[in-house]
Amino acid sequence: QIQTIGAAAFWGDQYLEEIGFPDTLESIEHDNFVMCDYLGYFSVSDTCVGFTTDADGQVLLSRDGKTLLHAGCWLGTDGDGYIVPDGVEIIRSYAFAESINLTTVTLPDSLREIGGCAFFNTALKELHIPAGVERIGTMITDKGPGTVNIGNGIKIYFGASGSAAETFCKQFDLNFVEEKQETETIK
């Protein structure tokens, strides 16, 4: 009766393509699917205590829909972008990492936190961050919370002056541009 999967349990498993979870699973700790470059699908029953997936089984979400843990590597292969469901408040670190075909992601107004390297090694060209986002680029490390980049070479459109996005840019000497203005590429 597995209830918790510890931190980094699947880290770097290059051969993992699909994973199923028991109904008793209540929590998955941080950094579990980092460098699982071919992980494409999640199998979760309707009676799983802590988790659910999207209709295609490509995106793993907390049962309450507030946390997006991971998106499979094949997300975006059909040419469609991905719309993060309304109600998601947290996108975990590395959540979309290695979804190499993903060209667009729409973030909901409910979003409050984007984890570190959340969009690393995707085909995203731009990302519109809602004004309500309070933390960007945060991730848990062995030494506690840390802050890192959210992706690689993505044009970032920020919600509003005085937001967490502006603070993030100042901290890392990046160009801050409000949504209504032209944007610059993040360093």
C-alpha atoms as a PDB file:
ATOM      1  CA  GLN A   1       0.000   0.000   0.000  1.00  0.00           C
ATOM      2  CA  ILE A   2       2.198   2.833  -1.283  1.00  0.00           C
ATOM      3  CA  GLN A   3       1.128   6.243   0.002  1.00  0.00           C
ATOM      4  CA  THR A   4       4.172   8.414  -0.799  1.00  0.00           C
ATOM      5  CA  ILE A   5       6.848   8.419  -3.486  1.00  0.00           C
ATOM      6  CA  GLY A   6       9.987  10.043  -2.127  1.00  0.00           C
ATOM      7  CA  ALA A   7      12.005  12.846  -3.702  1.00  0.00           C
ATOM      8  CA  ALA A   8      13.811  12.093  -6.968  1.00  0.00           C
ATOM      9  CA  ALA A   9      12.703   8.438  -6.981  1.00  0.00           C
ATOM     10  CA  PHE A  10      12.640   8.261 -10.798  1.00  0.00           C
ATOM     11  CA  TRP A  11      15.276  10.927 -11.502  1.00  0.00           C
ATOM     12  CA  GLY A  12      17.144  10.189 -14.719  1.00  0.00           C
ATOM     13  CA  ASP A  13      15.275   7.004 -15.666  1.00  0.00           C
ATOM     14  CA  GLN A  14      15.843   7.228 -19.424  1.00  0.00           C
ATOM     15  CA  TYR A  15      13.852   4.048 -20.106  1.00  0.00           C
ATOM     16  CA  LEU A  16      10.657   5.026 -18.304  1.00  0.00           C
ATOM     17  CA  GLU A  17       7.920   5.613 -20.913  1.00  0.00           C
ATOM     18  CA  GLU A  18       4.752   5.199 -18.854  1.00  0.00           C
ATOM     19  CA  ILE A  19       4.036   4.951 -15.161  1.00  0.00           C
ATOM     20  CA  GLY A  20       0.981   3.805 -13.231  1.00  0.00           C
ATOM     21  CA  PHE A  21       0.109   4.724  -9.680  1.00  0.00           C
ATOM     22  CA  PRO A  22      -1.798   2.732  -7.057  1.00  0.00           C
ATOM     23  CA  ASP A  23      -5.114   4.007  -5.718  1.00  0.00           C
ATOM     24  CA  THR A  24      -3.529   4.534  -2.282  1.00  0.00           C
ATOM     25  CA  LEU A  25      -0.957   7.102  -3.497  1.00  0.00           C
ATOM     26  CA  GLU A  26      -1.396  10.369  -1.608  1.00  0.00           C
ATOM     27  CA  SER A  27       1.791  12.317  -2.361  1.00  0.00           C
ATOM     28  CA  ILE A  28       4.713  12.547  -4.755  1.00  0.00           C
ATOM     29  CA  GLU A  29       7.656  14.549  -3.486  1.00  0.00           C
ATOM     30  CA  HIS A  30       9.687  16.966  -5.618  1.00  0.00           C
ATOM     31  CA  ASP A  31      11.950  16.297  -8.616  1.00  0.00           C
ATOM     32  CA  ASN A  32      10.608  12.845  -9.434  1.00  0.00           C
ATOM     33  CA  PHE A  33      10.527  13.006 -13.215  1.00  0.00           C
ATOM     34  CA  VAL A  34      13.635  15.079 -13.973  1.00  0.00           C
ATOM     35  CA  MET A  35      15.567  13.700 -16.961  1.00  0.00           C
ATOM     36  CA  CYS A  36      12.900  11.085 -17.672  1.00  0.00           C
ATOM     37  CA  ASP A  37      13.142  12.195 -21.287  1.00  0.00           C
ATOM     38  CA  TYR A  38      10.793   9.540 -22.709  1.00  0.00           C
ATOM     39  CA  LEU A  39       8.126   9.575 -20.001  1.00  0.00           C
ATOM     40  CA  GLY A  40       4.981  10.234 -21.982  1.00  0.00           C
ATOM     41  CA  TYR A  41       1.990   8.836 -20.129  1.00  0.00           C
ATOM     42  CA  PHE A  42       0.560   8.399 -16.647  1.00  0.00           C
ATOM     43  CA  SER A  43      -1.940   5.730 -15.670  1.00  0.00           C
ATOM     44  CA  VAL A  44      -4.108   6.788 -12.746  1.00  0.00           C
ATOM     45  CA  SER A  45      -7.473   5.264 -11.883  1.00  0.00           C
ATOM     46  CA  ASP A  46     -10.501   7.367 -11.034  1.00  0.00           C
ATOM     47  CA  THR A  47     -10.237   6.127  -7.452  1.00  0.00           C
ATOM     48  CA  CYS A  48      -6.628   7.242  -6.836  1.00  0.00           C
ATOM     49  CA  VAL A  49      -6.578   9.216  -3.580  1.00  0.00           C
ATOM     50  CA  GLY A  50      -4.063  11.897  -4.558  1.00  0.00           C
ATOM     51  CA  PHE A  51      -3.777  12.185  -8.343  1.00  0.00           C
ATOM     52  CA  THR A  52      -5.510  12.389 -11.689  1.00  0.00           C
ATOM     53  CA  THR A  53      -4.529  12.978 -15.319  1.00  0.00           C
ATOM     54  CA  ASP A  54      -5.856  14.865 -18.288  1.00  0.00           C
ATOM     55  CA  ALA A  55      -8.056  12.981 -20.761  1.00  0.00           C
ATOM     56  CA  ASP A  56      -5.059  11.651 -22.718  1.00  0.00           C
ATOM     57  CA  GLY A  57      -3.048  10.605 -19.661  1.00  0.00           C
ATOM     58  CA  GLN A  58      -0.227  12.934 -20.656  1.00  0.00           C
ATOM     59  CA  VAL A  59      -0.439  15.405 -17.762  1.00  0.00           C
ATOM     60  CA  LEU A  60      -0.250  14.427 -14.087  1.00  0.00           C
ATOM     61  CA  LEU A  61      -2.251  16.604 -11.692  1.00  0.00           C
ATOM     62  CA  SER A  62      -3.042  16.536  -8.006  1.00  0.00           C
ATOM     63  CA  ARG A  63      -6.527  15.162  -7.301  1.00  0.00           C
ATOM     64  CA  ASP A  64      -7.752  18.627  -6.269  1.00  0.00           C
ATOM     65  CA  GLY A  65      -6.445  20.087  -9.545  1.00  0.00           C
ATOM     66  CA  LYS A  66      -4.300  22.712  -7.823  1.00  0.00           C
ATOM     67  CA  THR A  67      -0.873  21.314  -8.737  1.00  0.00           C
ATOM     68  CA  LEU A  68       0.444  20.299 -12.145  1.00  0.00           C
ATOM     69  CA  LEU A  69       3.253  17.844 -11.427  1.00  0.00           C
ATOM     70  CA  HIS A  70       4.430  16.759 -14.854  1.00  0.00           C
ATOM     71  CA  ALA A  71       3.584  16.739 -18.541  1.00  0.00           C
ATOM     72  CA  GLY A  72       4.617  13.866 -20.766  1.00  0.00           C
ATOM     73  CA  CYS A  73       7.305  14.272 -23.397  1.00  0.00           C
ATOM     74  CA  TRP A  74       4.850  13.816 -26.306  1.00  0.00           C
ATOM     75  CA  LEU A  75       2.634  16.727 -25.275  1.00  0.00           C
ATOM     76  CA  GLY A  76       2.274  19.047 -28.276  1.00  0.00           C
ATOM     77  CA  THR A  77       3.188  16.417 -30.873  1.00  0.00           C
ATOM     78  CA  ASP A  78      -0.174  16.930 -32.589  1.00  0.00           C
ATOM     79  CA  GLY A  79       0.687  20.596 -33.136  1.00  0.00           C
ATOM     80  CA  ASP A  80      -1.765  21.829 -30.548  1.00  0.00           C
ATOM     81  CA  GLY A  81      -0.582  23.819 -27.601  1.00  0.00           C
ATOM     82  CA  TYR A  82      -1.559  23.068 -24.046  1.00  0.00           C
ATOM     83  CA  ILE A  83      -4.012  24.996 -21.902  1.00  0.00           C
ATOM     84  CA  VAL A  84      -3.252  24.572 -18.215  1.00  0.00           C
ATOM     85  CA  PRO A  85      -6.608  23.898 -16.537  1.00  0.00           C
ATOM     86  CA  ASP A  86      -8.240  26.706 -14.613  1.00  0.00           C
ATOM     87  CA  GLY A  87      -7.760  26.093 -10.901  1.00  0.00           C
ATOM     88  CA  VAL A  88      -4.098  25.082 -11.179  1.00  0.00           C
ATOM     89  CA  GLU A  89      -2.163  27.186  -8.674  1.00  0.00           C
ATOM     90  CA  ILE A  90       1.272  25.530  -8.839  1.00  0.00           C
ATOM     91  CA  ILE A  91       3.323  24.268 -11.756  1.00  0.00           C
ATOM     92  CA  ARG A  92       6.105  22.193 -10.254  1.00  0.00           C
ATOM     93  CA  SER A  93       9.790  22.414 -11.155  1.00  0.00           C
ATOM     94  CA  TYR A  94      10.597  20.672 -14.455  1.00  0.00           C
ATOM     95  CA  ALA A  95       6.857  20.104 -15.099  1.00  0.00           C
ATOM     96  CA  PHE A  96       7.056  20.591 -18.879  1.00  0.00           C
ATOM     97  CA  ALA A  97      10.786  19.911 -19.247  1.00  0.00           C
ATOM     98  CA  GLU A  98      11.644  17.801 -22.290  1.00  0.00           C
ATOM     99  CA  SER A  99       8.222  18.270 -23.916  1.00  0.00           C
ATOM    100  CA  ILE A 100      10.228  19.137 -27.020  1.00  0.00           C
ATOM    101  CA  ASN A 101       7.224  19.530 -29.356  1.00  0.00           C
ATOM    102  CA  LEU A 102       5.320  21.918 -27.108  1.00  0.00           C
ATOM    103  CA  THR A 103       5.039  25.303 -28.865  1.00  0.00           C
ATOM    104  CA  THR A 104       2.393  27.096 -26.801  1.00  0.00           C
ATOM    105  CA  VAL A 105       1.162  26.981 -23.218  1.00  0.00           C
ATOM    106  CA  THR A 106      -1.713  29.057 -21.892  1.00  0.00           C
ATOM    107  CA  LEU A 107      -1.541  29.748 -18.160  1.00  0.00           C
ATOM    108  CA  PRO A 108      -4.686  30.306 -16.065  1.00  0.00           C
ATOM    109  CA  ASP A 109      -5.380  33.333 -13.881  1.00  0.00           C
ATOM    110  CA  SER A 110      -5.498  30.939 -10.896  1.00  0.00           C
ATOM    111  CA  LEU A 111      -1.732  30.288 -11.211  1.00  0.00           C
ATOM    112  CA  ARG A 112       0.390  31.479  -8.253  1.00  0.00           C
ATOM    113  CA  GLU A 113       3.728  29.649  -8.630  1.00  0.00           C
ATOM    114  CA  ILE A 114       5.922  28.424 -11.490  1.00  0.00           C
ATOM    115  CA  GLY A 115       8.689  26.046 -10.457  1.00  0.00           C
ATOM    116  CA  GLY A 116      12.294  26.188 -11.579  1.00  0.00           C
ATOM    117  CA  CYS A 117      13.069  24.984 -15.108  1.00  0.00           C
ATOM    118  CA  ALA A 118       9.357  24.324 -15.602  1.00  0.00           C
ATOM    119  CA  PHE A 119       9.632  24.904 -19.355  1.00  0.00           C
ATOM    120  CA  PHE A 120      13.197  23.709 -19.937  1.00  0.00           C
ATOM    121  CA  ASN A 121      13.904  22.199 -23.368  1.00  0.00           C
ATOM    122  CA  THR A 122      10.525  22.860 -24.958  1.00  0.00           C
ATOM    123  CA  ALA A 123       9.726  24.527 -28.292  1.00  0.00           C
ATOM    124  CA  LEU A 124       8.053  27.470 -26.557  1.00  0.00           C
ATOM    125  CA  LYS A 125       8.876  30.826 -28.074  1.00  0.00           C
ATOM    126  CA  GLU A 126       6.887  32.942 -25.648  1.00  0.00           C
ATOM    127  CA  LEU A 127       5.078  32.679 -22.354  1.00  0.00           C
ATOM    128  CA  HIS A 128       2.412  35.000 -20.941  1.00  0.00           C
ATOM    129  CA  ILE A 129       2.602  35.034 -17.149  1.00  0.00           C
ATOM    130  CA  PRO A 130      -0.599  36.104 -15.332  1.00  0.00           C
ATOM    131  CA  ALA A 131      -0.299  39.068 -12.976  1.00  0.00           C
ATOM    132  CA  GLY A 132      -1.357  36.915  -9.993  1.00  0.00           C
ATOM    133  CA  VAL A 133       1.781  34.746 -10.083  1.00  0.00           C
ATOM    134  CA  GLU A 134       3.588  35.245  -6.766  1.00  0.00           C
ATOM    135  CA  ARG A 135       6.656  33.014  -7.160  1.00  0.00           C
ATOM    136  CA  ILE A 136       8.677  32.218 -10.261  1.00  0.00           C
ATOM    137  CA  GLY A 137      11.545  29.835 -10.722  1.00  0.00           C
ATOM    138  CA  THR A 138      11.337  28.298  -7.291  1.00  0.00           C
ATOM    139  CA  MET A 139      12.355  24.764  -6.633  1.00  0.00           C
ATOM    140  CA  ILE A 140      13.172  22.640  -3.619  1.00  0.00           C
ATOM    141  CA  THR A 141      16.799  21.587  -3.268  1.00  0.00           C
ATOM    142  CA  ASP A 142      18.684  19.643  -0.615  1.00  0.00           C
ATOM    143  CA  LYS A 143      19.542  23.027   0.909  1.00  0.00           C
ATOM    144  CA  GLY A 144      15.946  24.275   0.901  1.00  0.00           C
ATOM    145  CA  PRO A 145      14.102  26.482  -1.581  1.00  0.00           C
ATOM    146  CA  GLY A 146      16.147  27.898  -4.436  1.00  0.00           C
ATOM    147  CA  THR A 147      15.464  30.053  -7.462  1.00  0.00           C
ATOM    148  CA  VAL A 148      16.471  29.137 -11.005  1.00  0.00           C
ATOM    149  CA  ASN A 149      15.444  30.009 -14.553  1.00  0.00           C
ATOM    150  CA  ILE A 150      12.063  28.875 -15.853  1.00  0.00           C
ATOM    151  CA  GLY A 151      13.157  27.921 -19.360  1.00  0.00           C
ATOM    152  CA  ASN A 152      15.635  28.528 -22.106  1.00  0.00           C
ATOM    153  CA  GLY A 153      15.390  31.489 -24.483  1.00  0.00           C
ATOM    154  CA  ILE A 154      11.644  32.057 -24.082  1.00  0.00           C
ATOM    155  CA  LYS A 155      10.205  35.532 -24.635  1.00  0.00           C
ATOM    156  CA  ILE A 156       8.396  36.348 -21.441  1.00  0.00           C
ATOM    157  CA  TYR A 157       5.339  38.578 -21.302  1.00  0.00           C
ATOM    158  CA  PHE A 158       4.623  39.706 -17.757  1.00  0.00           C
ATOM    159  CA  GLY A 159       1.356  40.763 -16.242  1.00  0.00           C
ATOM    160  CA  ALA A 160       1.993  43.983 -14.374  1.00  0.00           C
ATOM    161  CA  SER A 161       4.514  46.271 -12.799  1.00  0.00           C
ATOM    162  CA  GLY A 162       5.121  45.373  -9.146  1.00  0.00           C
ATOM    163  CA  SER A 163       4.412  41.671  -9.758  1.00  0.00           C
ATOM    164  CA  ALA A 164       6.514  38.638  -8.835  1.00  0.00           C
ATOM    165  CA  ALA A 165       7.583  38.554 -12.474  1.00  0.00           C
ATOM    166  CA  GLU A 166       9.142  41.999 -12.163  1.00  0.00           C
ATOM    167  CA  THR A 167      10.924  40.963  -8.942  1.00  0.00           C
ATOM    168  CA  PHE A 168      12.229  37.827 -10.680  1.00  0.00           C
ATOM    169  CA  CYS A 169      13.616  39.904 -13.546  1.00  0.00           C
ATOM    170  CA  LYS A 170      15.333  42.365 -11.235  1.00  0.00           C
ATOM    171  CA  GLN A 171      16.880  39.559  -9.180  1.00  0.00           C
ATOM    172  CA  PHE A 172      18.449  37.980 -12.273  1.00  0.00           C
ATOM    173  CA  ASP A 173      19.136  41.198 -14.212  1.00  0.00           C
ATOM    174  CA  LEU A 174      16.583  40.360 -16.903  1.00  0.00           C
ATOM    175  CA  ASN A 175      14.505  42.756 -18.963  1.00  0.00           C
ATOM    176  CA  PHE A 176      11.062  43.308 -17.455  1.00  0.00           C
ATOM    177  CA  VAL A 177       8.351  44.196 -19.944  1.00  0.00           C
ATOM    178  CA  GLU A 178       4.695  44.652 -19.084  1.00  0.00           C
ATOM    179  CA  GLU A 179       2.190  42.621 -21.102  1.00  0.00           C
ATOM    180  CA  LYS A 180       1.036  45.609 -23.144  1.00  0.00           C
ATOM    181  CA  GLN A 181       4.564  46.502 -24.354  1.00  0.00           C
ATOM    182  CA  GLU A 182       7.004  44.909 -26.789  1.00  0.00           C
ATOM    183  CA  THR A 183       9.092  42.197 -25.175  1.00  0.00           C
ATOM    184  CA  GLU A 184      12.732  41.278 -24.996  1.00  0.00           C
ATOM    185  CA  THR A 185      14.183  37.808 -24.910  1.00  0.00           C
ATOM    186  CA  ILE A 186      15.239  36.615 -21.465  1.00  0.00           C
ATOM    187  CA  LYS A 187      18.968  36.113 -21.187  1.00  0.00           C
END
